[in-house]
Amino acid sequence: MKRISVPVDSMIESLTSFGLSAEKTNDIIGLFEIVDAGDYDALVMPALSFNDSHLSREEVLITLSAFWITVIGNTDSFSEQELQGLGALRSLYFVAVNLGYQNLAAWIARYWEETSPLHGSELVELWR
């Protein structure tokens, strides 16, 4: 299975857009494996579980959401990676709703609605 990677700078931007501090963002970036992608450094999902980190469950969900939003924003429209990112983000939305993280769910819903013209998935069911 191919490992999906994202540019470090884009991931930092995604994490800060969720309102995380620079310190927390740097801590989270440190959990990922950093690889040389030629023109830039990239992050790939770590082999170790986020459960072994100091992050709360909500922060883990924010980290995963930021990762997949970064994948979506750094791939071609309708590519396999974009479709995987959209599916992952949709799943994270429902996890956030069911675990009671309404702010995160609202953030994902807003992102989905704002970007629907780009990915053409306007009709995704969102719980509000």
Protein backbone atom coordinates (compact mmCIF):
# COMPACT_ATOMS: atom_id res chain seq x y z
CA MET A 1 0.00 0.00 0.00
CA LYS A 2 1.33 3.41 -0.95
CA ARG A 3 1.89 5.82 1.93
CA ILE A 4 0.20 9.17 1.49
CA SER A 5 2.32 12.20 2.30
CA VAL A 6 1.64 15.92 2.65
CA PRO A 7 3.92 18.98 2.64
CA VAL A 8 4.98 19.97 6.16
CA ASP A 9 4.10 23.64 5.59
CA SER A 10 0.59 22.75 4.41
CA MET A 11 0.01 20.55 7.44
CA ILE A 12 1.14 23.33 9.78
CA GLU A 13 -1.31 25.67 8.05
CA SER A 14 -4.14 23.15 8.46
CA LEU A 15 -3.41 22.59 12.14
CA THR A 16 -3.30 26.31 12.90
CA SER A 17 -6.58 26.80 11.02
CA PHE A 18 -8.15 24.55 13.68
CA GLY A 19 -6.96 27.06 16.29
CA LEU A 20 -4.06 25.06 17.70
CA SER A 21 -1.15 26.99 19.19
CA ALA A 22 2.26 27.02 17.51
CA GLU A 23 3.62 24.93 20.38
CA LYS A 24 0.88 22.27 20.05
CA THR A 25 1.28 22.30 16.26
CA ASN A 26 5.02 21.67 16.56
CA ASP A 27 4.37 18.86 19.05
CA ILE A 28 1.95 17.23 16.61
CA ILE A 29 4.30 17.63 13.63
CA GLY A 30 6.92 15.81 15.71
CA LEU A 31 4.66 12.73 15.86
CA PHE A 32 4.78 12.26 12.09
CA GLU A 33 7.54 10.72 10.03
CA ILE A 34 9.22 13.42 7.93
CA VAL A 35 10.52 12.36 4.52
CA ASP A 36 12.38 14.16 1.75
CA ALA A 37 9.94 14.60 -1.14
CA GLY A 38 12.43 16.30 -3.43
CA ASP A 39 11.37 19.94 -3.54
CA TYR A 40 9.95 19.92 0.01
CA ASP A 41 9.81 17.92 3.23
CA ALA A 42 6.67 15.84 3.64
CA LEU A 43 4.83 14.14 6.47
CA VAL A 44 3.53 10.59 6.36
CA MET A 45 1.28 8.96 8.93
CA PRO A 46 3.34 7.58 11.78
CA ALA A 47 3.60 3.85 12.25
CA LEU A 48 2.91 4.27 15.97
CA SER A 49 -0.54 4.93 17.33
CA PHE A 50 -1.50 8.44 18.39
CA ASN A 51 -2.80 6.78 21.57
CA ASP A 52 0.80 6.63 22.77
CA SER A 53 1.10 10.41 22.52
CA HIS A 54 0.17 13.17 24.95
CA LEU A 55 -2.76 14.27 22.77
CA SER A 56 -6.35 14.19 23.93
CA ARG A 57 -8.86 12.23 21.86
CA GLU A 58 -10.17 15.48 20.36
CA GLU A 59 -6.63 16.59 19.45
CA VAL A 60 -6.06 13.25 17.72
CA LEU A 61 -9.22 13.80 15.68
CA ILE A 62 -8.12 17.35 14.86
CA THR A 63 -4.71 16.03 13.78
CA LEU A 64 -6.26 13.40 11.53
CA SER A 65 -8.72 15.93 10.09
CA ALA A 66 -5.90 18.38 9.37
CA PHE A 67 -3.89 15.62 7.69
CA TRP A 68 -6.72 14.61 5.37
CA ILE A 69 -7.65 18.23 4.61
CA THR A 70 -4.02 18.74 3.64
CA VAL A 71 -4.16 15.65 1.40
CA ILE A 72 -7.30 17.00 -0.28
CA GLY A 73 -5.73 20.42 -0.79
CA ASN A 74 -2.50 19.06 -2.26
CA THR A 75 -3.82 16.55 -4.79
CA ASP A 76 -5.50 16.75 -8.15
CA SER A 77 -9.29 16.91 -8.24
CA PHE A 78 -10.91 13.50 -8.48
CA SER A 79 -7.58 11.73 -7.91
CA GLU A 80 -7.43 8.55 -5.84
CA GLN A 81 -5.77 10.45 -2.99
CA GLU A 82 -8.42 13.16 -3.00
CA LEU A 83 -11.19 10.56 -2.88
CA GLN A 84 -9.47 8.77 0.01
CA GLY A 85 -9.08 12.11 1.80
CA LEU A 86 -12.73 13.00 1.32
CA GLY A 87 -13.83 9.60 2.61
CA ALA A 88 -11.54 9.85 5.63
CA LEU A 89 -12.72 13.37 6.42
CA ARG A 90 -16.36 12.36 6.13
CA SER A 91 -15.73 9.50 8.54
CA LEU A 92 -13.98 11.83 10.98
CA TYR A 93 -16.99 14.16 10.85
CA PHE A 94 -19.29 11.38 12.04
CA VAL A 95 -16.81 10.28 14.71
CA ALA A 96 -16.61 13.87 15.99
CA VAL A 97 -20.42 14.13 16.09
CA ASN A 98 -20.81 10.82 17.92
CA LEU A 99 -18.10 11.62 20.48
CA GLY A 100 -19.64 15.02 21.19
CA TYR A 101 -16.95 17.21 19.62
CA GLN A 102 -19.44 19.62 18.11
CA ASN A 103 -16.90 22.38 17.37
CA LEU A 104 -14.76 19.99 15.35
CA ALA A 105 -17.81 18.59 13.57
CA ALA A 106 -18.97 22.12 12.72
CA TRP A 107 -15.50 23.01 11.42
CA ILE A 108 -15.43 19.93 9.16
CA ALA A 109 -18.99 20.61 7.95
CA ARG A 110 -18.09 24.21 7.12
CA TYR A 111 -14.94 23.06 5.26
CA TRP A 112 -16.98 20.48 3.32
CA GLU A 113 -19.60 23.02 2.30
CA GLU A 114 -17.02 25.65 1.30
CA THR A 115 -15.05 23.19 -0.83
CA SER A 116 -17.96 21.25 -2.34
CA PRO A 117 -17.65 23.05 -5.71
CA LEU A 118 -14.08 21.72 -5.95
CA HIS A 119 -14.81 18.07 -5.18
CA GLY A 120 -18.40 17.91 -6.39
CA SER A 121 -19.74 16.20 -3.26
CA GLU A 122 -22.41 18.69 -2.27
CA LEU A 123 -24.98 16.11 -1.31
CA VAL A 124 -23.09 14.59 1.59
CA GLU A 125 -25.36 14.19 4.58
CA LEU A 126 -24.26 16.41 7.44
CA TRP A 127 -25.82 16.18 10.88
CA ARG A 128 -26.56 19.45 12.57
